[in-house]
Amino acid sequence: MSERLPVLRRAGLASIRQGASESPWGRGEAVPVPPDAPLFEILRTGRSYLEPVLDTATGSWIDQDPIRAQKIRENGMHSMMLVPIRVRRVLLGMALFIRTENPTSFQEDDVLLAEELVRRAAVALDNARQYCREQTAALALQHSLLPRRLSGGAAVETASRYQPADIDRGVGGDWFDVIPLSGARVALVVGDVVGHGIGAAARMGRLRAAVRALSDLELPPGELLSRLDNTVQRVSEEDGDDPGQNYAAVGATCLYAVYDPVTRRCAMAAAGHPPPAIIDPQGKVTFPDLPTGAPLGIGLGARFEAMELELPENTLLAFYTDGVIETRGRDIEEGMHRLGTVLAQPGRSLEELCTRAMASVEDQAAFDDASLLLVRTRSLSPAQVTSWTLPGDRTAVRHAWTLAAGQLAEWGLEGLVDGVKQIVSELVTNVVRRSDGPIRLRLIRHQALTVEVIDADVNSPCMCNARTVDEHGRDLTVAAQLFDRWGTRETQDGKIVWAEADLAHTSRSQSHAAR
């Protein structure tokens, strides 16, 4: 079996003639080469090849391709040099030199000069290859750290786009996220880390992970950004203490919002980030007067003020980085106006609006990467939310689980009655023993069933290992065993202890048990 020959492609072409008419093969096209051509000898030996006089006689490697032979004769090609493009013991390709108008044939001195030129060109090519490799790795890292699938649950519909910067600047630290919270709420986040390249993408990943971890604490937006600011400062100090690292400031901007589909209220706070665009169902565009705050990690002990808005159902929120609104020849205010105009089309889908909004960014070489997160708000109907005010005594326990059982039966969730009774009993008992104020029980049915017990005591309970003889201390342990998620969060006048069960998982389990 004959050995398979490598495929050679034209990588570049230059000529003294307009259009480089000497070659029938353009850049990127495969060049047919016979087995006895000197090109394969160069691949084998790695040495330059000189053919002072091209032999166009019948039977030579040139005449084996009639198109090549015809081009050589038409353009008066009479002398040739082939020089390997080699760097760091790697053969990148070959440079072909052909002489036409100058009647003097190439000599050994010409080969030496060509080898020096090619050596310098090889270094430049290798640098370009390494740069492209780094850019590819940075882009792959950036995409791997961004969320692969956004789920707004019952709260919002989502769509997003990410556009990296031009080749000179490369991938930056833009990111966005949609984080499910308790009670059908959702956190909406967008941010931008200082810098470009792999370092910026890695810092972005650390920041996004920190936001995810802090969101589990159910913190208000302003307090979450304050803790995130401390985290960024610590990371900055740790990286700055490493003498072997090419350190860049870990500054970042961030906008964090929490939307509640039960109340249709959205609380948000910003750390040096532009405000979101808000488009109501009629297409009216506003940019809220959100306190900008200082960027994260600058070390000034900044405080982040939050604001809260009530949004109609089907309101469109656009979270973006400055690469979307600030491009060459266009200032930020003009970019914000353009973005609002594009999005003020209520009848279009989020995916279509994303595409239209990013079109101007993609049409030109962007000097910064750009991220866009669009969400359209939903609201839960009154039939999906039920709440009761309970007496602050021991009768509250029986009253609570009786009301909960009746509501679950009305929703067709009888399979959850036993678990909810136990959780409600434990949580309400805990509140009755510790608080004298009113108690509220709330059930929310969305993609999960959420059970909330609300009271005025600001002290959050903690999970403990109750002994067999202990009468109390099992409330959160029971919640963790019977439900998929549980937790606590502070309110303006107390706290909420909650537990959630995934209804899809529960339905599958009941169906399997029925078989």
Protein backbone atom coordinates (compact mmCIF):
# COMPACT_ATOMS: atom_id res chain seq x y z
CA MET A 1 0.00 0.00 0.00
CA SER A 2 1.44 3.35 -1.01
CA GLU A 3 2.15 5.99 1.63
CA ARG A 4 -0.42 8.76 1.74
CA LEU A 5 1.04 12.16 0.82
CA PRO A 6 0.29 15.23 2.96
CA VAL A 7 -2.07 17.86 1.58
CA LEU A 8 -0.38 21.22 1.00
CA ARG A 9 -2.39 24.45 0.94
CA ARG A 10 -1.52 27.92 -0.21
CA ALA A 11 -1.24 30.07 2.95
CA GLY A 12 -0.21 33.35 1.34
CA LEU A 13 0.63 34.88 -2.03
CA ALA A 14 2.46 38.00 -3.20
CA SER A 15 3.68 39.12 -6.63
CA ILE A 16 4.97 42.08 -8.60
CA ARG A 17 2.05 41.48 -10.96
CA GLN A 18 -1.48 42.66 -10.24
CA GLY A 19 -3.59 39.84 -8.85
CA ALA A 20 -0.62 37.44 -8.58
CA SER A 21 -1.45 35.79 -11.88
CA GLU A 22 1.47 33.35 -11.65
CA SER A 23 -0.39 30.89 -9.40
CA PRO A 24 -3.60 29.10 -10.39
CA TRP A 25 -4.27 28.33 -6.69
CA GLY A 26 -5.41 31.03 -4.32
CA ARG A 27 -4.95 31.38 -0.58
CA GLY A 28 -6.44 28.47 1.32
CA GLU A 29 -6.73 26.19 -1.72
CA ALA A 30 -5.06 22.79 -1.91
CA VAL A 31 -2.02 22.71 -4.22
CA PRO A 32 -1.54 19.38 -6.04
CA VAL A 33 2.06 18.24 -5.78
CA PRO A 34 3.50 15.11 -7.48
CA PRO A 35 5.40 12.61 -5.29
CA ASP A 36 8.79 13.43 -6.83
CA ALA A 37 8.47 17.20 -6.30
CA PRO A 38 11.23 18.85 -4.20
CA LEU A 39 8.67 20.04 -1.67
CA PHE A 40 8.52 16.59 -0.09
CA GLU A 41 12.30 16.45 0.04
CA ILE A 42 12.22 19.63 2.13
CA LEU A 43 9.62 18.09 4.42
CA ARG A 44 11.91 15.11 4.91
CA THR A 45 15.25 16.87 5.35
CA GLY A 46 14.27 20.35 6.53
CA ARG A 47 16.87 21.95 4.23
CA SER A 48 16.37 24.63 1.58
CA TYR A 49 16.19 23.72 -2.08
CA LEU A 50 17.58 25.65 -5.03
CA GLU A 51 16.68 25.05 -8.65
CA PRO A 52 18.59 27.76 -10.60
CA VAL A 53 16.95 26.78 -13.88
CA LEU A 54 13.45 25.37 -13.93
CA ASP A 55 13.35 22.29 -16.12
CA THR A 56 10.10 22.38 -18.09
CA ALA A 57 11.07 19.41 -20.19
CA THR A 58 8.56 16.64 -20.60
CA GLY A 59 8.68 14.19 -17.71
CA SER A 60 9.83 16.61 -15.01
CA TRP A 61 7.76 17.12 -11.85
CA ILE A 62 6.64 20.47 -13.28
CA ASP A 63 5.13 18.97 -16.41
CA GLN A 64 3.18 16.39 -14.42
CA ASP A 65 0.60 19.11 -13.80
CA PRO A 66 -0.30 20.81 -17.13
CA ILE A 67 -1.87 23.81 -15.35
CA ARG A 68 1.32 24.48 -13.40
CA ALA A 69 3.52 24.01 -16.45
CA GLN A 70 1.37 26.37 -18.50
CA LYS A 71 1.56 29.07 -15.82
CA ILE A 72 5.33 28.74 -15.60
CA ARG A 73 5.74 29.18 -19.36
CA GLU A 74 3.21 32.04 -19.62
CA ASN A 75 4.83 34.08 -16.85
CA GLY A 76 8.45 33.36 -17.72
CA MET A 77 9.33 31.65 -14.44
CA HIS A 78 12.90 30.43 -14.82
CA SER A 79 14.42 30.05 -11.34
CA MET A 80 13.11 28.78 -7.99
CA MET A 81 14.00 28.59 -4.29
CA LEU A 82 12.14 26.63 -1.60
CA VAL A 83 12.92 27.58 2.02
CA PRO A 84 11.42 25.80 5.04
CA ILE A 85 9.55 27.99 7.52
CA ARG A 86 10.90 26.59 10.76
CA VAL A 87 10.82 27.80 14.37
CA ARG A 88 11.65 26.04 17.63
CA ARG A 89 12.26 22.79 15.72
CA VAL A 90 8.79 22.88 14.23
CA LEU A 91 8.23 23.06 10.47
CA LEU A 92 5.36 25.47 9.86
CA GLY A 93 5.47 25.33 6.08
CA MET A 94 7.53 26.36 3.06
CA ALA A 95 8.22 29.63 1.30
CA LEU A 96 8.47 29.44 -2.50
CA PHE A 97 10.45 32.10 -4.37
CA ILE A 98 10.09 32.37 -8.15
CA ARG A 99 12.03 34.70 -10.44
CA THR A 100 10.39 35.98 -13.61
CA GLU A 101 11.42 39.38 -15.01
CA ASN A 102 14.98 39.39 -13.67
CA PRO A 103 16.90 37.14 -16.08
CA THR A 104 19.56 36.24 -13.49
CA SER A 105 19.05 32.87 -11.85
CA PHE A 106 18.95 32.44 -8.07
CA GLN A 107 22.30 31.58 -6.52
CA GLU A 108 23.47 30.26 -3.14
CA ASP A 109 23.79 33.79 -1.79
CA ASP A 110 20.14 34.37 -2.62
CA VAL A 111 19.25 31.26 -0.64
CA LEU A 112 21.11 32.59 2.43
CA LEU A 113 19.25 35.90 2.18
CA ALA A 114 15.92 34.13 1.73
CA GLU A 115 16.62 31.90 4.75
CA GLU A 116 17.24 34.95 6.94
CA LEU A 117 14.02 36.61 5.78
CA VAL A 118 12.06 33.43 6.32
CA ARG A 119 13.61 32.92 9.77
CA ARG A 120 12.35 36.33 10.89
CA ALA A 121 8.98 35.71 9.33
CA ALA A 122 8.77 32.35 11.12
CA VAL A 123 9.25 34.04 14.50
CA ALA A 124 6.40 36.45 13.70
CA LEU A 125 4.18 33.57 12.57
CA ASP A 126 4.93 31.60 15.72
CA ASN A 127 4.09 34.59 17.90
CA ALA A 128 0.80 34.95 16.04
CA ARG A 129 0.06 31.23 16.52
CA GLN A 130 0.71 31.45 20.24
CA TYR A 131 -1.44 34.56 20.54
CA CYS A 132 -4.30 32.90 18.66
CA ARG A 133 -3.93 29.81 20.84
CA GLU A 134 -4.16 31.95 23.98
CA GLN A 135 -7.19 33.80 22.60
CA THR A 136 -8.89 30.51 21.76
CA ALA A 137 -8.19 29.17 25.24
CA ALA A 138 -9.48 32.37 26.85
CA LEU A 139 -12.66 32.26 24.77
CA ALA A 140 -13.21 28.59 25.63
CA LEU A 141 -12.68 29.37 29.32
CA GLN A 142 -15.07 32.32 29.13
CA HIS A 143 -17.81 30.25 27.52
CA SER A 144 -17.30 27.39 30.00
CA LEU A 145 -17.70 29.78 32.94
CA LEU A 146 -20.84 31.45 31.60
CA PRO A 147 -24.14 29.69 32.35
CA ARG A 148 -24.95 27.07 29.72
CA ARG A 149 -28.68 27.27 30.32
CA LEU A 150 -30.65 30.10 31.89
CA SER A 151 -33.82 29.20 33.76
CA GLY A 152 -36.07 31.91 35.09
CA GLY A 153 -38.61 29.42 36.45
CA ALA A 154 -42.04 30.89 37.04
CA ALA A 155 -40.59 34.39 37.51
CA VAL A 156 -39.10 35.40 34.16
CA GLU A 157 -38.51 34.37 30.56
CA THR A 158 -34.85 34.78 29.57
CA ALA A 159 -32.53 35.20 26.56
CA SER A 160 -28.89 36.24 26.40
CA ARG A 161 -25.93 36.98 24.11
CA TYR A 162 -22.18 37.24 24.57
CA GLN A 163 -19.90 38.86 21.97
CA PRO A 164 -16.10 38.79 22.55
CA ALA A 165 -13.95 41.82 21.77
CA ASP A 166 -11.88 42.19 18.60
CA ILE A 167 -8.71 40.19 18.05
CA ASP A 168 -6.44 42.94 19.42
CA ARG A 169 -8.11 43.01 22.84
CA GLY A 170 -9.50 39.52 23.08
CA VAL A 171 -11.90 37.99 25.57
CA GLY A 172 -12.81 40.11 28.56
CA GLY A 173 -14.53 39.51 31.89
CA ASP A 174 -18.20 40.06 31.02
CA TRP A 175 -20.68 37.70 32.67
CA PHE A 176 -24.35 37.31 33.54
CA ASP A 177 -26.46 34.87 35.48
CA VAL A 178 -30.01 33.98 36.46
CA ILE A 179 -30.20 32.36 39.91
CA PRO A 180 -33.37 30.72 41.28
CA LEU A 181 -34.22 31.81 44.82
CA SER A 182 -36.83 30.67 47.31
CA GLY A 183 -40.49 31.59 46.97
CA ALA A 184 -40.40 31.53 43.12
CA ARG A 185 -38.12 34.59 43.18
CA VAL A 186 -35.11 34.94 40.90
CA ALA A 187 -31.81 36.86 41.05
CA LEU A 188 -30.68 38.63 37.86
CA VAL A 189 -26.99 39.47 37.66
CA VAL A 190 -24.66 41.12 35.15
CA GLY A 191 -21.05 42.19 35.66
CA ASP A 192 -17.79 43.17 34.02
CA VAL A 193 -14.29 42.40 35.32
CA VAL A 194 -11.38 44.69 34.48
CA GLY A 195 -8.95 43.39 31.85
CA HIS A 196 -8.85 40.96 28.94
CA GLY A 197 -7.52 37.48 28.26
CA ILE A 198 -7.37 34.31 30.32
CA GLY A 199 -6.75 36.20 33.56
CA ALA A 200 -9.91 38.28 33.19
CA ALA A 201 -11.97 35.19 32.30
CA ALA A 202 -10.65 33.34 35.36
CA ARG A 203 -11.40 36.27 37.67
CA MET A 204 -14.87 36.47 36.17
CA GLY A 205 -15.43 32.81 37.04
CA ARG A 206 -14.39 33.41 40.65
CA LEU A 207 -16.70 36.41 40.91
CA ARG A 208 -19.66 34.54 39.45
CA ALA A 209 -19.08 31.66 41.90
CA ALA A 210 -18.95 34.14 44.78
CA VAL A 211 -22.28 35.69 43.73
CA ARG A 212 -23.86 32.24 43.51
CA ALA A 213 -22.64 31.40 47.02
CA LEU A 214 -23.81 34.71 48.48
CA SER A 215 -27.22 34.40 46.82
CA ASP A 216 -27.85 31.27 48.92
CA LEU A 217 -27.77 33.53 51.98
CA GLU A 218 -30.91 35.28 50.66
CA LEU A 219 -29.33 38.71 51.17
CA PRO A 220 -30.89 41.97 49.94
CA PRO A 221 -29.10 43.34 46.83
CA GLY A 222 -27.25 46.13 48.64
CA GLU A 223 -25.94 43.85 51.38
CA LEU A 224 -24.95 41.17 48.88
CA LEU A 225 -22.84 43.69 46.93
CA SER A 226 -21.18 44.84 50.17
CA ARG A 227 -20.10 41.29 50.95
CA LEU A 228 -19.08 40.75 47.35
CA ASP A 229 -16.95 43.90 47.56
CA ASN A 230 -15.11 42.44 50.56
CA THR A 231 -14.56 39.20 48.66
CA VAL A 232 -13.13 41.00 45.63
CA GLN A 233 -10.78 43.03 47.85
CA ARG A 234 -9.46 39.86 49.50
CA VAL A 235 -8.89 38.22 46.13
CA SER A 236 -7.09 41.34 44.94
CA GLU A 237 -4.82 41.34 47.99
CA GLU A 238 -4.05 37.63 47.66
CA ASP A 239 -3.18 37.95 43.98
CA GLY A 240 -1.08 41.05 44.66
CA ASP A 241 1.00 39.17 47.23
CA ASP A 242 2.10 36.62 44.61
CA PRO A 243 5.43 37.91 43.18
CA GLY A 244 5.36 35.38 40.36
CA GLN A 245 2.02 36.53 39.00
CA ASN A 246 1.53 39.20 36.37
CA TYR A 247 -0.98 40.96 38.57
CA ALA A 248 -3.82 43.07 37.24
CA ALA A 249 -6.37 44.90 39.37
CA VAL A 250 -9.38 42.78 40.25
CA GLY A 251 -11.82 45.65 39.91
CA ALA A 252 -15.27 44.85 38.62
CA THR A 253 -18.72 46.30 38.12
CA CYS A 254 -21.90 44.43 38.97
CA LEU A 255 -25.67 44.87 38.94
CA TYR A 256 -27.69 42.54 41.17
CA ALA A 257 -31.49 42.44 41.12
CA VAL A 258 -34.12 40.23 42.75
CA TYR A 259 -37.58 39.87 41.18
CA ASP A 260 -40.56 38.42 43.06
CA PRO A 261 -43.41 37.18 40.80
CA VAL A 262 -45.80 37.08 43.75
CA THR A 263 -45.61 40.82 44.47
CA ARG A 264 -44.21 41.83 41.04
CA ARG A 265 -41.58 43.88 42.85
CA CYS A 266 -37.95 44.08 41.76
CA ALA A 267 -35.16 45.23 44.13
CA MET A 268 -31.79 46.12 42.63
CA ALA A 269 -28.42 47.62 43.51
CA ALA A 270 -25.37 48.49 41.40
CA ALA A 271 -21.63 48.61 41.95
CA GLY A 272 -20.30 50.94 39.26
CA HIS A 273 -22.60 49.38 36.64
CA PRO A 274 -25.07 51.16 34.32
CA PRO A 275 -28.77 50.77 35.16
CA PRO A 276 -31.00 48.29 33.33
CA ALA A 277 -33.36 49.33 30.58
CA ILE A 278 -36.99 48.83 31.57
CA ILE A 279 -39.58 48.54 28.79
CA ASP A 280 -43.21 48.33 29.92
CA PRO A 281 -45.81 46.23 28.02
CA GLN A 282 -46.76 49.29 25.92
CA GLY A 283 -43.16 49.85 24.79
CA LYS A 284 -42.24 52.82 26.99
CA VAL A 285 -38.51 52.81 27.81
CA THR A 286 -37.06 54.06 31.09
CA PHE A 287 -33.69 53.81 32.79
CA PRO A 288 -34.22 53.89 36.58
CA ASP A 289 -32.33 56.46 38.63
CA LEU A 290 -30.35 53.71 40.35
CA PRO A 291 -27.48 54.85 42.61
CA THR A 292 -24.39 53.75 40.68
CA GLY A 293 -22.14 52.98 43.63
CA ALA A 294 -18.40 52.38 43.45
CA PRO A 295 -16.91 49.47 41.47
CA LEU A 296 -16.10 46.34 43.44
CA GLY A 297 -12.66 45.92 44.94
CA ILE A 298 -11.39 49.51 44.97
CA GLY A 299 -11.07 49.46 48.77
CA LEU A 300 -13.04 52.56 49.79
CA GLY A 301 -15.53 50.81 52.07
CA ALA A 302 -18.34 51.65 49.68
CA ARG A 303 -22.00 51.21 50.59
CA PHE A 304 -24.48 50.14 47.96
CA GLU A 305 -27.96 51.63 47.99
CA ALA A 306 -30.82 49.57 46.64
CA MET A 307 -34.07 50.66 45.06
CA GLU A 308 -37.30 48.74 44.58
CA LEU A 309 -39.81 48.98 41.73
CA GLU A 310 -43.19 47.42 41.08
CA LEU A 311 -43.30 46.08 37.53
CA PRO A 312 -46.34 45.18 35.42
CA GLU A 313 -46.46 41.64 34.10
CA ASN A 314 -44.63 41.23 30.76
CA THR A 315 -42.21 44.05 31.56
CA LEU A 316 -38.92 43.67 29.67
CA LEU A 317 -35.69 44.18 31.62
CA ALA A 318 -32.38 44.53 29.77
CA PHE A 319 -29.14 43.98 31.71
CA TYR A 320 -26.00 44.77 29.72
CA THR A 321 -22.30 45.58 29.92
CA ASP A 322 -20.72 48.75 28.55
CA GLY A 323 -19.61 46.95 25.38
CA VAL A 324 -23.26 46.94 24.26
CA ILE A 325 -23.82 50.69 24.61
CA GLU A 326 -20.31 52.13 24.18
CA THR A 327 -18.70 51.55 20.79
CA ARG A 328 -16.29 53.51 18.61
CA GLY A 329 -17.79 56.85 17.63
CA ARG A 330 -20.78 56.48 19.97
CA ASP A 331 -20.97 57.64 23.60
CA ILE A 332 -22.80 55.85 26.41
CA GLU A 333 -25.97 57.97 26.40
CA GLU A 334 -26.37 57.51 22.66
CA GLY A 335 -25.83 53.80 23.05
CA MET A 336 -28.43 53.55 25.83
CA HIS A 337 -30.94 55.42 23.67
CA ARG A 338 -30.23 53.11 20.73
CA LEU A 339 -30.62 50.01 22.92
CA GLY A 340 -33.93 51.25 24.30
CA THR A 341 -35.23 52.01 20.81
CA VAL A 342 -34.35 48.52 19.56
CA LEU A 343 -36.01 46.84 22.54
CA ALA A 344 -39.20 48.94 22.46
CA GLN A 345 -41.00 46.40 20.27
CA PRO A 346 -43.40 44.49 22.53
CA GLY A 347 -44.50 41.98 19.90
CA ARG A 348 -41.06 40.44 19.26
CA SER A 349 -39.55 37.43 21.00
CA LEU A 350 -36.61 37.80 23.38
CA GLU A 351 -34.32 35.89 21.03
CA GLU A 352 -35.15 38.22 18.15
CA LEU A 353 -34.65 41.29 20.34
CA CYS A 354 -31.27 39.94 21.48
CA THR A 355 -30.18 39.49 17.88
CA ARG A 356 -31.30 42.97 16.87
CA ALA A 357 -29.71 44.63 19.89
CA MET A 358 -26.34 42.95 19.30
CA ALA A 359 -26.33 43.59 15.55
CA SER A 360 -24.49 46.91 15.77
CA VAL A 361 -21.89 45.37 18.09
CA GLU A 362 -21.26 42.50 15.69
CA ASP A 363 -21.12 44.77 12.64
CA GLN A 364 -17.91 46.44 13.80
CA ALA A 365 -14.73 45.32 15.51
CA ALA A 366 -15.73 45.84 19.15
CA PHE A 367 -13.08 47.34 21.43
CA ASP A 368 -14.67 45.61 24.43
CA ASP A 369 -16.64 42.43 24.86
CA ALA A 370 -20.39 42.78 25.20
CA SER A 371 -23.01 40.84 27.17
CA LEU A 372 -26.77 41.23 27.08
CA LEU A 373 -29.33 39.55 29.32
CA LEU A 374 -33.02 40.07 28.53
CA VAL A 375 -35.79 38.97 30.88
CA ARG A 376 -39.54 39.31 30.55
CA THR A 377 -41.36 39.27 33.86
CA ARG A 378 -44.16 36.93 34.78
CA SER A 379 -46.47 36.95 37.77
CA LEU A 380 -48.14 34.24 39.78
CA SER A 381 -51.93 34.25 39.83
CA PRO A 382 -53.75 34.58 43.17
CA ALA A 383 -54.76 30.93 42.80
CA GLN A 384 -51.09 29.94 43.11
CA VAL A 385 -50.46 31.76 46.40
CA THR A 386 -52.28 31.31 49.69
CA SER A 387 -51.41 32.82 53.06
CA TRP A 388 -52.96 32.83 56.52
CA THR A 389 -52.36 34.75 59.75
CA LEU A 390 -52.16 32.38 62.72
CA PRO A 391 -52.66 33.02 66.43
CA GLY A 392 -49.48 33.26 68.46
CA ASP A 393 -50.29 30.31 70.75
CA ARG A 394 -50.17 26.53 70.66
CA THR A 395 -53.44 26.29 68.77
CA ALA A 396 -51.58 27.74 65.80
CA VAL A 397 -49.90 24.41 65.05
CA ARG A 398 -53.07 22.37 64.47
CA HIS A 399 -54.69 25.32 62.73
CA ALA A 400 -51.70 25.67 60.40
CA TRP A 401 -51.45 22.10 59.19
CA THR A 402 -55.23 21.80 58.82
CA LEU A 403 -55.24 24.85 56.52
CA ALA A 404 -52.21 23.58 54.62
CA ALA A 405 -53.74 20.11 54.12
CA GLY A 406 -56.94 21.62 52.77
CA GLN A 407 -55.07 23.80 50.29
CA LEU A 408 -52.91 20.91 49.08
CA ALA A 409 -56.03 18.85 48.46
CA GLU A 410 -57.48 21.72 46.45
CA TRP A 411 -54.29 21.85 44.36
CA GLY A 412 -54.30 18.08 43.84
CA LEU A 413 -51.10 17.60 45.84
CA GLU A 414 -52.40 15.08 48.37
CA GLY A 415 -49.15 13.15 48.16
CA LEU A 416 -47.36 16.00 49.93
CA VAL A 417 -49.82 16.34 52.80
CA ASP A 418 -47.94 14.21 55.33
CA GLY A 419 -44.60 15.89 54.69
CA VAL A 420 -46.09 19.39 54.74
CA LYS A 421 -47.98 18.66 57.96
CA GLN A 422 -44.76 17.60 59.66
CA ILE A 423 -42.77 20.57 58.42
CA VAL A 424 -45.50 23.09 59.25
CA SER A 425 -45.87 21.59 62.72
CA GLU A 426 -42.15 21.80 63.43
CA LEU A 427 -41.69 25.31 62.03
CA VAL A 428 -44.78 26.82 63.63
CA THR A 429 -43.98 25.18 66.97
CA ASN A 430 -40.51 26.70 66.83
CA VAL A 431 -41.98 30.17 66.19
CA VAL A 432 -44.61 29.84 68.96
CA ARG A 433 -41.89 28.97 71.49
CA ARG A 434 -39.61 31.87 70.51
CA SER A 435 -41.88 34.73 69.40
CA ASP A 436 -44.97 36.49 70.77
CA GLY A 437 -45.89 38.29 67.56
CA PRO A 438 -48.21 37.25 64.73
CA ILE A 439 -47.36 34.24 62.61
CA ARG A 440 -48.06 33.89 58.91
CA LEU A 441 -48.12 30.71 56.88
CA ARG A 442 -47.80 30.98 53.11
CA LEU A 443 -47.94 28.30 50.41
CA ILE A 444 -46.75 29.04 46.87
CA ARG A 445 -47.32 26.66 44.00
CA HIS A 446 -45.10 27.17 40.94
CA GLN A 447 -42.60 24.65 39.57
CA ALA A 448 -42.09 23.75 43.21
CA LEU A 449 -44.23 23.87 46.31
CA THR A 450 -42.90 26.46 48.76
CA VAL A 451 -43.90 26.44 52.40
CA GLU A 452 -43.06 29.64 54.29
CA VAL A 453 -43.49 30.45 57.97
CA ILE A 454 -43.11 34.18 58.66
CA ASP A 455 -42.68 35.81 62.07
CA ALA A 456 -41.23 38.93 63.70
CA ASP A 457 -38.27 37.23 65.41
CA VAL A 458 -35.03 38.31 63.69
CA ASN A 459 -33.01 35.38 65.08
CA SER A 460 -32.65 32.73 62.42
CA PRO A 461 -32.85 29.08 63.50
CA CYS A 462 -30.01 26.68 62.82
CA MET A 463 -29.92 22.96 62.19
CA CYS A 464 -28.82 20.88 65.16
CA ASN A 465 -28.53 17.19 65.98
CA ALA A 466 -31.34 16.61 68.44
CA ARG A 467 -30.97 13.62 70.77
CA THR A 468 -33.66 10.97 71.14
CA VAL A 469 -34.79 12.39 74.48
CA ASP A 470 -34.94 16.01 73.20
CA GLU A 471 -38.42 17.41 72.62
CA HIS A 472 -37.34 20.14 70.18
CA GLY A 473 -34.61 21.08 67.68
CA ARG A 474 -35.70 18.94 64.77
CA ASP A 475 -37.55 21.48 62.62
CA LEU A 476 -34.85 22.22 60.04
CA THR A 477 -33.61 18.62 60.12
CA VAL A 478 -37.10 17.49 59.16
CA ALA A 479 -37.26 20.13 56.41
CA ALA A 480 -33.94 18.96 54.98
CA GLN A 481 -35.08 15.32 54.93
CA LEU A 482 -38.56 15.79 53.49
CA PHE A 483 -38.07 18.67 51.06
CA ASP A 484 -35.50 19.37 48.34
CA ARG A 485 -34.39 22.77 49.62
CA TRP A 486 -34.79 24.80 52.78
CA GLY A 487 -33.44 28.01 54.25
CA THR A 488 -34.14 31.29 55.96
CA ARG A 489 -34.15 34.90 54.86
CA GLU A 490 -34.54 38.19 56.63
CA THR A 491 -37.39 40.63 56.04
CA GLN A 492 -37.79 44.24 57.10
CA ASP A 493 -39.73 43.20 60.20
CA GLY A 494 -38.57 39.65 60.90
CA LYS A 495 -37.66 36.50 59.00
CA ILE A 496 -39.01 33.76 56.78
CA VAL A 497 -38.21 30.07 57.23
CA TRP A 498 -39.00 28.18 54.04
CA ALA A 499 -38.85 24.73 52.46
CA GLU A 500 -39.40 23.72 48.83
CA ALA A 501 -40.33 20.47 47.11
CA ASP A 502 -39.84 20.05 43.34
CA LEU A 503 -43.29 19.24 41.96
CA ALA A 504 -41.93 17.58 38.83
CA HIS A 505 -39.80 15.23 40.96
CA THR A 506 -42.73 14.56 43.28
CA SER A 507 -45.06 13.77 40.37
CA ARG A 508 -42.55 11.30 38.91
CA SER A 509 -42.13 9.61 42.30
CA GLN A 510 -45.91 9.30 42.77
CA SER A 511 -46.34 7.92 39.26
CA HIS A 512 -43.59 5.36 39.84
CA ALA A 513 -45.16 4.32 43.17
CA ALA A 514 -48.57 3.92 41.49
CA ARG A 515 -47.14 1.35 39.09
